[in-house]
Amino acid sequence: MSVRQHMFIRPPHLRVAQSVCVAIVLLVGVGRDFPCCAQERVLPFYSLPADGQWVTFDWTAVKRSGRRTRGTLRMSAVGRERIGGRVYRWVELSLESKSGDRTIRRVRRLLLRDDLFKSPGLSLQKAVLKSIGRDEPSGVIAPLSAREINNLLGLGFDGSRAKVRRSAKPESMKTPLGKLVVRRLVAKQKQSTRTWVYTGYLTARIPFGLARFEVRERRGDAAPQLRFSATVRAVGKNAKSQLPASKNVRH
């Protein structure tokens, strides 16, 4: 399974082995070091920071052959709109990697309900008002399908059959930004002879609420193998959208 593919293109395993189903635990009352969230699902972020804030992750994807692909993932809060008396927030995700001398960049921009993390049971379809994407710097800008949105926000996972465990105590994690106090959240789902394990390390000290997240695959009784990891590298407050404002296509 490639989380990189889940986030930005149609994942092959959905066509071959259906969906890998994993969900995240309900996050309530975890203290000031941890984002409070009312969403029971895997997400690439767990809070909506102030406009202009961004976070960059270094990511690594590992194929079963052992081949590794590396790149960066940036999440940015790039504005807001008030529609029908409700506040919505623009969130932009940009994934970048190298292929030889060529830089591959995929950008996704979503207009989300401001109360996404305060509304238990809020579906992704209702939370997303508008969506657009671009797969190359010179590519065509187009709206995202409902399936693309689900893959992007759920990392290709479905929360209907998850086994979820939350760590009992906070722990310290070393990152390029120094030591952070995090809470580990683990979600497991078995599919045929494989078990997928999602681990998120949450902290309110980082915009969007995650210091690191990873996915491992276990086949049979073999030891789990890392398939994807992303660790925070930098944060800032000067985020600007990479997509034209005139292309705010309604989903």
Foldseek 3Di string as FASTA:
>chain_A
DALVCLQFHDDPCCVVQNFFAKWWDQADDPDQFFAHFQETAAFPFGAADDAQKKWKWWKWFADPVRDIWIWMKMKHFADWDQDPNFIWTKIKIKTWTDDPPDIKIKMKIWTFGNCNRVDHPDDPVNGTFFMWMAGHLPGDIDTDDPSNSCSNTRSRHHHPDKDKDWDPDWDWDQALVGIGTWTKIWIWGDGDQKIKIKIFTFTPVGRRTTQKIFIWMDGHPDDTDTRMMIGINDMDRRDHDSDDPVPRGTD
